[in-house]
All heavy atoms as atom14 arrays in JSON, in Angstrom:
{
  "sequence": "IVGVSTSVPLEAEDDEFIQPFLNNGYDIDSVFYFGESVLKKAYRGQGV",
  "atom14_mask": [
    [1, 1, 1, 1, 1, 1, 1, 1, 0, 0, 0, 0, 0, 0],
    [1, 1, 1, 1, 1, 1, 1, 0, 0, 0, 0, 0, 0, 0],
    [1, 1, 1, 1, 0, 0, 0, 0, 0, 0, 0, 0, 0, 0],
    [1, 1, 1, 1, 1, 1, 1, 0, 0, 0, 0, 0, 0, 0],
    [1, 1, 1, 1, 1, 1, 0, 0, 0, 0, 0, 0, 0, 0],
    [1, 1, 1, 1, 1, 1, 1, 0, 0, 0, 0, 0, 0, 0],
    [1, 1, 1, 1, 1, 1, 0, 0, 0, 0, 0, 0, 0, 0],
    [1, 1, 1, 1, 1, 1, 1, 0, 0, 0, 0, 0, 0, 0],
    [1, 1, 1, 1, 1, 1, 1, 0, 0, 0, 0, 0, 0, 0],
    [1, 1, 1, 1, 1, 1, 1, 1, 0, 0, 0, 0, 0, 0],
    [1, 1, 1, 1, 1, 1, 1, 1, 1, 0, 0, 0, 0, 0],
    [1, 1, 1, 1, 1, 0, 0, 0, 0, 0, 0, 0, 0, 0],
    [1, 1, 1, 1, 1, 1, 1, 1, 1, 0, 0, 0, 0, 0],
    [1, 1, 1, 1, 1, 1, 1, 1, 0, 0, 0, 0, 0, 0],
    [1, 1, 1, 1, 1, 1, 1, 1, 0, 0, 0, 0, 0, 0],
    [1, 1, 1, 1, 1, 1, 1, 1, 1, 0, 0, 0, 0, 0],
    [1, 1, 1, 1, 1, 1, 1, 1, 1, 1, 1, 0, 0, 0],
    [1, 1, 1, 1, 1, 1, 1, 1, 0, 0, 0, 0, 0, 0],
    [1, 1, 1, 1, 1, 1, 1, 1, 1, 0, 0, 0, 0, 0],
    [1, 1, 1, 1, 1, 1, 1, 0, 0, 0, 0, 0, 0, 0],
    [1, 1, 1, 1, 1, 1, 1, 1, 1, 1, 1, 0, 0, 0],
    [1, 1, 1, 1, 1, 1, 1, 1, 0, 0, 0, 0, 0, 0],
    [1, 1, 1, 1, 1, 1, 1, 1, 0, 0, 0, 0, 0, 0],
    [1, 1, 1, 1, 1, 1, 1, 1, 0, 0, 0, 0, 0, 0],
    [1, 1, 1, 1, 0, 0, 0, 0, 0, 0, 0, 0, 0, 0],
    [1, 1, 1, 1, 1, 1, 1, 1, 1, 1, 1, 1, 0, 0],
    [1, 1, 1, 1, 1, 1, 1, 1, 0, 0, 0, 0, 0, 0],
    [1, 1, 1, 1, 1, 1, 1, 1, 0, 0, 0, 0, 0, 0],
    [1, 1, 1, 1, 1, 1, 1, 1, 0, 0, 0, 0, 0, 0],
    [1, 1, 1, 1, 1, 1, 0, 0, 0, 0, 0, 0, 0, 0],
    [1, 1, 1, 1, 1, 1, 1, 0, 0, 0, 0, 0, 0, 0],
    [1, 1, 1, 1, 1, 1, 1, 1, 1, 1, 1, 0, 0, 0],
    [1, 1, 1, 1, 1, 1, 1, 1, 1, 1, 1, 1, 0, 0],
    [1, 1, 1, 1, 1, 1, 1, 1, 1, 1, 1, 0, 0, 0],
    [1, 1, 1, 1, 0, 0, 0, 0, 0, 0, 0, 0, 0, 0],
    [1, 1, 1, 1, 1, 1, 1, 1, 1, 0, 0, 0, 0, 0],
    [1, 1, 1, 1, 1, 1, 0, 0, 0, 0, 0, 0, 0, 0],
    [1, 1, 1, 1, 1, 1, 1, 0, 0, 0, 0, 0, 0, 0],
    [1, 1, 1, 1, 1, 1, 1, 1, 0, 0, 0, 0, 0, 0],
    [1, 1, 1, 1, 1, 1, 1, 1, 1, 0, 0, 0, 0, 0],
    [1, 1, 1, 1, 1, 1, 1, 1, 1, 0, 0, 0, 0, 0],
    [1, 1, 1, 1, 1, 0, 0, 0, 0, 0, 0, 0, 0, 0],
    [1, 1, 1, 1, 1, 1, 1, 1, 1, 1, 1, 1, 0, 0],
    [1, 1, 1, 1, 1, 1, 1, 1, 1, 1, 1, 0, 0, 0],
    [1, 1, 1, 1, 0, 0, 0, 0, 0, 0, 0, 0, 0, 0],
    [1, 1, 1, 1, 1, 1, 1, 1, 1, 0, 0, 0, 0, 0],
    [1, 1, 1, 1, 0, 0, 0, 0, 0, 0, 0, 0, 0, 0],
    [1, 1, 1, 1, 1, 1, 1, 0, 0, 0, 0, 0, 0, 0]
  ],
  "atom14_positions": [
    [[6.63, 13.93, -13.86], [5.94, 12.9, -13.08], [4.61, 13.48, -12.58], [4.61, 14.46, -11.82], [6.81, 12.41, -11.92], [8.05, 11.7, -12.47], [6.02, 11.46, -11.01], [9.04, 11.28, -11.42], [0.0, 0.0, 0.0], [0.0, 0.0, 0.0], [0.0, 0.0, 0.0], [0.0, 0.0, 0.0], [0.0, 0.0, 0.0], [0.0, 0.0, 0.0]],
    [[3.51, 12.88, -13.02], [2.19, 13.38, -12.64], [1.41, 12.38, -11.8], [0.3, 12.66, -11.35], [1.38, 13.76, -13.89], [2.06, 14.91, -14.64], [1.19, 12.55, -14.82], [0.0, 0.0, 0.0], [0.0, 0.0, 0.0], [0.0, 0.0, 0.0], [0.0, 0.0, 0.0], [0.0, 0.0, 0.0], [0.0, 0.0, 0.0], [0.0, 0.0, 0.0]],
    [[2.0, 11.21, -11.58], [1.35, 10.2, -10.76], [2.36, 9.19, -10.25], [3.34, 8.89, -10.93], [0.0, 0.0, 0.0], [0.0, 0.0, 0.0], [0.0, 0.0, 0.0], [0.0, 0.0, 0.0], [0.0, 0.0, 0.0], [0.0, 0.0, 0.0], [0.0, 0.0, 0.0], [0.0, 0.0, 0.0], [0.0, 0.0, 0.0], [0.0, 0.0, 0.0]],
    [[2.12, 8.67, -9.05], [2.99, 7.66, -8.47], [2.14, 6.7, -7.64], [1.19, 7.11, -6.97], [4.08, 8.27, -7.55], [4.97, 7.16, -6.99], [4.91, 9.31, -8.28], [0.0, 0.0, 0.0], [0.0, 0.0, 0.0], [0.0, 0.0, 0.0], [0.0, 0.0, 0.0], [0.0, 0.0, 0.0], [0.0, 0.0, 0.0], [0.0, 0.0, 0.0]],
    [[2.48, 5.43, -7.71], [1.85, 4.42, -6.87], [2.96, 3.63, -6.17], [3.97, 3.3, -6.8], [0.99, 3.49, -7.73], [0.21, 2.65, -6.94], [0.0, 0.0, 0.0], [0.0, 0.0, 0.0], [0.0, 0.0, 0.0], [0.0, 0.0, 0.0], [0.0, 0.0, 0.0], [0.0, 0.0, 0.0], [0.0, 0.0, 0.0], [0.0, 0.0, 0.0]],
    [[2.78, 3.35, -4.88], [3.84, 2.71, -4.1], [3.36, 1.4, -3.49], [2.16, 1.17, -3.32], [4.31, 3.63, -2.96], [3.26, 3.77, -2.0], [4.7, 4.99, -3.48], [0.0, 0.0, 0.0], [0.0, 0.0, 0.0], [0.0, 0.0, 0.0], [0.0, 0.0, 0.0], [0.0, 0.0, 0.0], [0.0, 0.0, 0.0], [0.0, 0.0, 0.0]],
    [[4.32, 0.55, -3.13], [4.0, -0.71, -2.46], [5.26, -1.24, -1.8], [6.38, -0.92, -2.2], [3.41, -1.72, -3.44], [4.22, -1.84, -4.6], [0.0, 0.0, 0.0], [0.0, 0.0, 0.0], [0.0, 0.0, 0.0], [0.0, 0.0, 0.0], [0.0, 0.0, 0.0], [0.0, 0.0, 0.0], [0.0, 0.0, 0.0], [0.0, 0.0, 0.0]],
    [[5.04, -2.11, -0.8], [6.16, -2.61, -0.01], [5.69, -3.85, 0.75], [4.48, -3.98, 1.03], [6.63, -1.51, 0.98], [5.6, -1.28, 2.09], [8.0, -1.8, 1.57], [0.0, 0.0, 0.0], [0.0, 0.0, 0.0], [0.0, 0.0, 0.0], [0.0, 0.0, 0.0], [0.0, 0.0, 0.0], [0.0, 0.0, 0.0], [0.0, 0.0, 0.0]],
    [[6.57, -4.81, 1.05], [6.16, -5.9, 1.93], [5.63, -5.35, 3.25], [6.21, -4.42, 3.81], [7.45, -6.7, 2.13], [8.27, -6.41, 0.91], [7.97, -4.98, 0.58], [0.0, 0.0, 0.0], [0.0, 0.0, 0.0], [0.0, 0.0, 0.0], [0.0, 0.0, 0.0], [0.0, 0.0, 0.0], [0.0, 0.0, 0.0], [0.0, 0.0, 0.0]],
    [[4.54, -5.91, 3.74], [3.93, -5.39, 4.96], [4.92, -5.38, 6.13], [4.89, -4.48, 6.97], [2.69, -6.21, 5.33], [1.91, -5.74, 6.55], [1.38, -4.33, 6.35], [0.78, -6.71, 6.88], [0.0, 0.0, 0.0], [0.0, 0.0, 0.0], [0.0, 0.0, 0.0], [0.0, 0.0, 0.0], [0.0, 0.0, 0.0], [0.0, 0.0, 0.0]],
    [[5.81, -6.36, 6.17], [6.77, -6.46, 7.27], [7.68, -5.24, 7.37], [8.26, -4.98, 8.43], [7.62, -7.72, 7.09], [8.49, -7.67, 5.83], [9.1, -9.01, 5.46], [8.66, -10.03, 6.03], [9.99, -9.03, 4.6], [0.0, 0.0, 0.0], [0.0, 0.0, 0.0], [0.0, 0.0, 0.0], [0.0, 0.0, 0.0], [0.0, 0.0, 0.0]],
    [[7.81, -4.47, 6.28], [8.66, -3.28, 6.29], [7.91, -2.03, 6.74], [8.52, -0.97, 6.92], [9.24, -3.05, 4.9], [0.0, 0.0, 0.0], [0.0, 0.0, 0.0], [0.0, 0.0, 0.0], [0.0, 0.0, 0.0], [0.0, 0.0, 0.0], [0.0, 0.0, 0.0], [0.0, 0.0, 0.0], [0.0, 0.0, 0.0], [0.0, 0.0, 0.0]],
    [[6.6, -2.14, 6.93], [5.8, -0.98, 7.28], [5.84, -0.67, 8.78], [6.41, -1.41, 9.58], [4.34, -1.21, 6.83], [3.99, -0.54, 5.51], [4.08, 0.99, 5.57], [4.26, 1.55, 6.66], [3.98, 1.61, 4.51], [0.0, 0.0, 0.0], [0.0, 0.0, 0.0], [0.0, 0.0, 0.0], [0.0, 0.0, 0.0], [0.0, 0.0, 0.0]],
    [[5.2, 0.45, 9.15], [5.11, 0.84, 10.55], [4.23, -0.14, 11.33], [3.36, -0.81, 10.77], [4.51, 2.24, 10.69], [5.42, 3.33, 10.11], [6.64, 3.06, 9.98], [4.92, 4.42, 9.79], [0.0, 0.0, 0.0], [0.0, 0.0, 0.0], [0.0, 0.0, 0.0], [0.0, 0.0, 0.0], [0.0, 0.0, 0.0], [0.0, 0.0, 0.0]],
    [[4.44, -0.18, 12.64], [3.69, -1.1, 13.49], [2.18, -0.89, 13.38], [1.41, -1.84, 13.5], [4.11, -0.94, 14.96], [5.51, -1.47, 15.22], [6.02, -2.25, 14.38], [6.1, -1.12, 16.25], [0.0, 0.0, 0.0], [0.0, 0.0, 0.0], [0.0, 0.0, 0.0], [0.0, 0.0, 0.0], [0.0, 0.0, 0.0], [0.0, 0.0, 0.0]],
    [[1.76, 0.35, 13.16], [0.32, 0.63, 13.07], [-0.35, -0.16, 11.95], [-1.53, -0.51, 12.04], [0.07, 2.12, 12.83], [0.39, 3.0, 14.01], [1.81, 3.55, 13.96], [2.68, 2.91, 13.32], [2.05, 4.61, 14.56], [0.0, 0.0, 0.0], [0.0, 0.0, 0.0], [0.0, 0.0, 0.0], [0.0, 0.0, 0.0], [0.0, 0.0, 0.0]],
    [[0.41, -0.46, 10.89], [-0.13, -1.2, 9.76], [0.02, -2.71, 9.94], [-0.78, -3.48, 9.41], [0.55, -0.75, 8.47], [0.32, 0.69, 8.14], [1.27, 1.65, 8.46], [-0.86, 1.11, 7.56], [1.06, 2.99, 8.19], [-1.09, 2.45, 7.28], [-0.12, 3.4, 7.59], [0.0, 0.0, 0.0], [0.0, 0.0, 0.0], [0.0, 0.0, 0.0]],
    [[1.02, -3.11, 10.67], [1.28, -4.54, 10.87], [0.38, -5.15, 11.93], [-0.13, -6.26, 11.77], [2.76, -4.75, 11.24], [3.68, -4.31, 10.1], [3.03, -6.2, 11.62], [5.16, -4.34, 10.45], [0.0, 0.0, 0.0], [0.0, 0.0, 0.0], [0.0, 0.0, 0.0], [0.0, 0.0, 0.0], [0.0, 0.0, 0.0], [0.0, 0.0, 0.0]],
    [[0.16, -4.43, 13.04], [-0.49, -5.01, 14.21], [-1.89, -5.56, 13.94], [-2.22, -6.65, 14.44], [-0.56, -3.97, 15.33], [-0.83, -4.59, 16.7], [0.25, -5.59, 17.11], [1.44, -5.31, 17.01], [-0.18, -6.78, 17.55], [0.0, 0.0, 0.0], [0.0, 0.0, 0.0], [0.0, 0.0, 0.0], [0.0, 0.0, 0.0], [0.0, 0.0, 0.0]],
    [[-2.73, -4.9, 13.15], [-4.06, -5.5, 12.9], [-3.98, -6.89, 12.27], [-4.83, -7.75, 12.56], [-4.72, -4.49, 11.95], [-4.04, -3.2, 12.23], [-2.62, -3.57, 12.53], [0.0, 0.0, 0.0], [0.0, 0.0, 0.0], [0.0, 0.0, 0.0], [0.0, 0.0, 0.0], [0.0, 0.0, 0.0], [0.0, 0.0, 0.0], [0.0, 0.0, 0.0]],
    [[-2.99, -7.13, 11.44], [-2.83, -8.43, 10.8], [-2.32, -9.46, 11.81], [-2.77, -10.61, 11.81], [-1.91, -8.32, 9.59], [-2.54, -7.59, 8.44], [-2.49, -6.21, 8.36], [-3.2, -8.3, 7.44], [-3.09, -5.54, 7.31], [-3.8, -7.64, 6.38], [-3.75, -6.25, 6.32], [0.0, 0.0, 0.0], [0.0, 0.0, 0.0], [0.0, 0.0, 0.0]],
    [[-1.38, -9.05, 12.66], [-0.93, -9.95, 13.71], [-2.07, -10.32, 14.65], [-2.22, -11.49, 15.03], [0.2, -9.29, 14.51], [1.54, -9.1, 13.8], [2.51, -8.35, 14.71], [2.13, -10.45, 13.4], [0.0, 0.0, 0.0], [0.0, 0.0, 0.0], [0.0, 0.0, 0.0], [0.0, 0.0, 0.0], [0.0, 0.0, 0.0], [0.0, 0.0, 0.0]],
    [[-2.88, -9.34, 14.99], [-4.0, -9.59, 15.9], [-5.01, -10.57, 15.33], [-5.74, -11.22, 16.07], [-4.72, -8.28, 16.24], [-3.87, -7.33, 17.05], [-2.85, -7.71, 17.62], [-4.28, -6.08, 17.12], [0.0, 0.0, 0.0], [0.0, 0.0, 0.0], [0.0, 0.0, 0.0], [0.0, 0.0, 0.0], [0.0, 0.0, 0.0], [0.0, 0.0, 0.0]],
    [[-5.05, -10.66, 14.0], [-6.01, -11.55, 13.34], [-5.38, -12.8, 12.75], [-6.0, -13.48, 11.92], [-6.78, -10.77, 12.26], [-7.82, -9.84, 12.85], [-8.95, -10.24, 13.12], [-7.44, -8.58, 13.08], [0.0, 0.0, 0.0], [0.0, 0.0, 0.0], [0.0, 0.0, 0.0], [0.0, 0.0, 0.0], [0.0, 0.0, 0.0], [0.0, 0.0, 0.0]],
    [[-4.14, -13.09, 13.16], [-3.52, -14.37, 12.82], [-2.95, -14.5, 11.43], [-2.74, -15.61, 10.93], [0.0, 0.0, 0.0], [0.0, 0.0, 0.0], [0.0, 0.0, 0.0], [0.0, 0.0, 0.0], [0.0, 0.0, 0.0], [0.0, 0.0, 0.0], [0.0, 0.0, 0.0], [0.0, 0.0, 0.0], [0.0, 0.0, 0.0], [0.0, 0.0, 0.0]],
    [[-2.67, -13.38, 10.76], [-2.1, -13.43, 9.42], [-0.6, -13.7, 9.46], [0.1, -13.31, 10.41], [-2.34, -12.11, 8.68], [-3.75, -11.91, 8.2], [-4.73, -11.44, 9.06], [-4.1, -12.18, 6.87], [-6.04, -11.24, 8.61], [-5.39, -11.97, 6.42], [-6.36, -11.51, 7.3], [-7.64, -11.31, 6.87], [0.0, 0.0, 0.0], [0.0, 0.0, 0.0]],
    [[-0.11, -14.34, 8.41], [1.33, -14.5, 8.2], [1.86, -13.22, 7.55], [1.65, -12.99, 6.36], [1.59, -15.71, 7.3], [3.06, -15.86, 6.92], [3.92, -15.2, 7.57], [3.35, -16.62, 5.98], [0.0, 0.0, 0.0], [0.0, 0.0, 0.0], [0.0, 0.0, 0.0], [0.0, 0.0, 0.0], [0.0, 0.0, 0.0], [0.0, 0.0, 0.0]],
    [[2.52, -12.38, 8.32], [2.96, -11.06, 7.84], [3.88, -11.18, 6.63], [3.84, -10.35, 5.72], [3.65, -10.28, 8.97], [2.7, -10.1, 10.15], [4.13, -8.93, 8.47], [1.4, -9.41, 9.8], [0.0, 0.0, 0.0], [0.0, 0.0, 0.0], [0.0, 0.0, 0.0], [0.0, 0.0, 0.0], [0.0, 0.0, 0.0], [0.0, 0.0, 0.0]],
    [[4.72, -12.21, 6.62], [5.68, -12.37, 5.53], [5.0, -12.57, 4.17], [5.63, -12.38, 3.13], [6.6, -13.56, 5.79], [7.54, -13.31, 6.96], [7.67, -12.14, 7.38], [8.13, -14.29, 7.46], [0.0, 0.0, 0.0], [0.0, 0.0, 0.0], [0.0, 0.0, 0.0], [0.0, 0.0, 0.0], [0.0, 0.0, 0.0], [0.0, 0.0, 0.0]],
    [[3.73, -12.96, 4.18], [3.04, -13.27, 2.92], [2.13, -12.14, 2.45], [1.38, -12.32, 1.48], [2.22, -14.56, 3.08], [1.12, -14.34, 3.95], [0.0, 0.0, 0.0], [0.0, 0.0, 0.0], [0.0, 0.0, 0.0], [0.0, 0.0, 0.0], [0.0, 0.0, 0.0], [0.0, 0.0, 0.0], [0.0, 0.0, 0.0], [0.0, 0.0, 0.0]],
    [[2.19, -10.97, 3.12], [1.28, -9.87, 2.79], [2.06, -8.74, 2.11], [3.11, -8.31, 2.62], [0.56, -9.34, 4.04], [-0.41, -8.22, 3.65], [-0.18, -10.46, 4.76], [0.0, 0.0, 0.0], [0.0, 0.0, 0.0], [0.0, 0.0, 0.0], [0.0, 0.0, 0.0], [0.0, 0.0, 0.0], [0.0, 0.0, 0.0], [0.0, 0.0, 0.0]],
    [[1.56, -8.27, 0.99], [2.18, -7.15, 0.27], [1.26, -5.95, 0.39], [0.07, -6.02, 0.09], [2.38, -7.52, -1.2], [3.37, -6.64, -1.92], [4.69, -6.6, -1.52], [2.98, -5.86, -3.01], [5.62, -5.8, -2.19], [3.89, -5.06, -3.67], [5.22, -5.03, -3.26], [0.0, 0.0, 0.0], [0.0, 0.0, 0.0], [0.0, 0.0, 0.0]],
    [[1.84, -4.84, 0.86], [1.06, -3.65, 1.19], [1.16, -2.58, 0.11], [2.26, -2.21, -0.31], [1.55, -3.07, 2.53], [0.86, -1.79, 2.92], [-0.45, -1.81, 3.37], [1.52, -0.57, 2.83], [-1.1, -0.64, 3.73], [0.89, 0.61, 3.18], [-0.42, 0.56, 3.63], [-1.06, 1.73, 3.97], [0.0, 0.0, 0.0], [0.0, 0.0, 0.0]],
    [[0.01, -2.12, -0.36], [-0.04, -1.01, -1.31], [-0.16, 0.3, -0.53], [-1.1, 0.48, 0.25], [-1.25, -1.15, -2.24], [-1.2, -2.33, -3.17], [-2.28, -2.63, -3.98], [-0.08, -3.13, -3.26], [-2.25, -3.7, -4.86], [-0.03, -4.2, -4.13], [-1.12, -4.5, -4.92], [0.0, 0.0, 0.0], [0.0, 0.0, 0.0], [0.0, 0.0, 0.0]],
    [[0.79, 1.2, -0.75], [0.75, 2.49, -0.08], [-0.23, 3.43, -0.76], [-1.43, 3.18, -0.79], [0.0, 0.0, 0.0], [0.0, 0.0, 0.0], [0.0, 0.0, 0.0], [0.0, 0.0, 0.0], [0.0, 0.0, 0.0], [0.0, 0.0, 0.0], [0.0, 0.0, 0.0], [0.0, 0.0, 0.0], [0.0, 0.0, 0.0], [0.0, 0.0, 0.0]],
    [[0.28, 4.48, -1.36], [-0.6, 5.46, -1.98], [-0.62, 5.31, -3.49], [0.3, 4.77, -4.09], [-0.17, 6.89, -1.64], [1.31, 7.16, -1.84], [2.12, 6.71, -0.65], [1.84, 7.19, 0.46], [3.01, 5.88, -0.82], [0.0, 0.0, 0.0], [0.0, 0.0, 0.0], [0.0, 0.0, 0.0], [0.0, 0.0, 0.0], [0.0, 0.0, 0.0]],
    [[-1.71, 5.8, -4.08], [-1.78, 6.05, -5.52], [-2.21, 7.5, -5.67], [-3.33, 7.86, -5.28], [-2.79, 5.12, -6.2], [-2.29, 3.81, -6.27], [0.0, 0.0, 0.0], [0.0, 0.0, 0.0], [0.0, 0.0, 0.0], [0.0, 0.0, 0.0], [0.0, 0.0, 0.0], [0.0, 0.0, 0.0], [0.0, 0.0, 0.0], [0.0, 0.0, 0.0]],
    [[-1.33, 8.32, -6.19], [-1.63, 9.75, -6.34], [-1.45, 10.13, -7.81], [-0.46, 9.77, -8.44], [-0.74, 10.62, -5.43], [-1.17, 10.48, -3.98], [0.74, 10.27, -5.56], [0.0, 0.0, 0.0], [0.0, 0.0, 0.0], [0.0, 0.0, 0.0], [0.0, 0.0, 0.0], [0.0, 0.0, 0.0], [0.0, 0.0, 0.0], [0.0, 0.0, 0.0]],
    [[-2.43, 10.84, -8.33], [-2.43, 11.21, -9.75], [-3.09, 12.57, -9.89], [-4.17, 12.81, -9.33], [-3.2, 10.16, -10.57], [-3.27, 10.37, -12.08], [-1.9, 10.21, -12.72], [-4.28, 9.39, -12.69], [0.0, 0.0, 0.0], [0.0, 0.0, 0.0], [0.0, 0.0, 0.0], [0.0, 0.0, 0.0], [0.0, 0.0, 0.0], [0.0, 0.0, 0.0]],
    [[-2.47, 13.47, -10.64], [-3.04, 14.78, -10.85], [-4.41, 14.67, -11.52], [-4.65, 13.79, -12.36], [-2.1, 15.63, -11.7], [-0.87, 16.15, -10.95], [-0.02, 17.04, -11.83], [1.11, 17.69, -11.05], [0.6, 18.75, -10.13], [0.0, 0.0, 0.0], [0.0, 0.0, 0.0], [0.0, 0.0, 0.0], [0.0, 0.0, 0.0], [0.0, 0.0, 0.0]],
    [[-5.3, 15.57, -11.16], [-6.69, 15.49, -11.61], [-6.82, 15.48, -13.13], [-7.69, 14.79, -13.68], [-7.49, 16.66, -11.02], [-7.7, 16.55, -9.52], [-8.53, 17.72, -9.01], [-8.75, 17.61, -7.5], [-9.55, 18.76, -6.98], [0.0, 0.0, 0.0], [0.0, 0.0, 0.0], [0.0, 0.0, 0.0], [0.0, 0.0, 0.0], [0.0, 0.0, 0.0]],
    [[-5.98, 16.21, -13.82], [-6.09, 16.32, -15.28], [-5.9, 14.98, -15.98], [-6.3, 14.82, -17.14], [-5.08, 17.34, -15.81], [0.0, 0.0, 0.0], [0.0, 0.0, 0.0], [0.0, 0.0, 0.0], [0.0, 0.0, 0.0], [0.0, 0.0, 0.0], [0.0, 0.0, 0.0], [0.0, 0.0, 0.0], [0.0, 0.0, 0.0], [0.0, 0.0, 0.0]],
    [[-5.3, 14.0, -15.29], [-4.98, 12.73, -15.94], [-5.85, 11.58, -15.44], [-5.6, 10.42, -15.79], [-3.5, 12.41, -15.72], [-2.59, 13.42, -16.38], [-2.13, 14.53, -15.65], [-2.23, 13.31, -17.71], [-1.32, 15.48, -16.26], [-1.42, 14.25, -18.32], [-0.98, 15.33, -17.59], [-0.17, 16.27, -18.19], [0.0, 0.0, 0.0], [0.0, 0.0, 0.0]],
    [[-6.84, 11.88, -14.63], [-7.72, 10.83, -14.13], [-8.74, 10.44, -15.19], [-9.02, 11.18, -16.11], [-8.41, 11.29, -12.84], [-7.4, 11.53, -11.71], [-8.03, 12.14, -10.48], [-6.99, 12.59, -9.55], [-7.23, 13.27, -8.44], [-8.47, 13.59, -8.11], [-6.23, 13.64, -7.66], [0.0, 0.0, 0.0], [0.0, 0.0, 0.0], [0.0, 0.0, 0.0]],
    [[-9.29, 9.24, -15.05], [-10.28, 8.76, -16.0], [-9.7, 8.16, -17.26], [-10.43, 7.9, -18.22], [0.0, 0.0, 0.0], [0.0, 0.0, 0.0], [0.0, 0.0, 0.0], [0.0, 0.0, 0.0], [0.0, 0.0, 0.0], [0.0, 0.0, 0.0], [0.0, 0.0, 0.0], [0.0, 0.0, 0.0], [0.0, 0.0, 0.0], [0.0, 0.0, 0.0]],
    [[-8.37, 7.92, -17.28], [-7.71, 7.34, -18.45], [-7.21, 5.92, -18.2], [-6.45, 5.39, -19.0], [-6.54, 8.23, -18.88], [-6.92, 9.65, -19.21], [-5.72, 10.48, -19.66], [-4.82, 9.98, -20.32], [-5.71, 11.75, -19.28], [0.0, 0.0, 0.0], [0.0, 0.0, 0.0], [0.0, 0.0, 0.0], [0.0, 0.0, 0.0], [0.0, 0.0, 0.0]],
    [[-7.61, 5.34, -17.08], [-7.19, 3.98, -16.78], [-5.88, 3.87, -16.02], [-5.39, 2.76, -15.8], [0.0, 0.0, 0.0], [0.0, 0.0, 0.0], [0.0, 0.0, 0.0], [0.0, 0.0, 0.0], [0.0, 0.0, 0.0], [0.0, 0.0, 0.0], [0.0, 0.0, 0.0], [0.0, 0.0, 0.0], [0.0, 0.0, 0.0], [0.0, 0.0, 0.0]],
    [[-5.32, 4.99, -15.61], [-4.04, 4.95, -14.9], [-4.2, 4.28, -13.53], [-3.35, 3.52, -13.09], [-3.44, 6.36, -14.74], [-2.11, 6.3, -13.99], [-3.24, 7.0, -16.1], [0.0, 0.0, 0.0], [0.0, 0.0, 0.0], [0.0, 0.0, 0.0], [0.0, 0.0, 0.0], [0.0, 0.0, 0.0], [0.0, 0.0, 0.0], [0.0, 0.0, 0.0]]
  ]
}
C-alpha cells in the first residue's frame, strides 16, 4: 500500500470539523467529508 484516501459523513467527524458548517446553516446530514489523501512521492504525477 503506497497511497490511501479517506472519507466519511461529516456527522461522524470531530466537533471541530462539524461546527463551522452548523454556524453557517448547513444541513450536516447532507455533507460528505474527505479526510486525507496520502501517496508516496515516487507515485505522484500518475493521476492517482
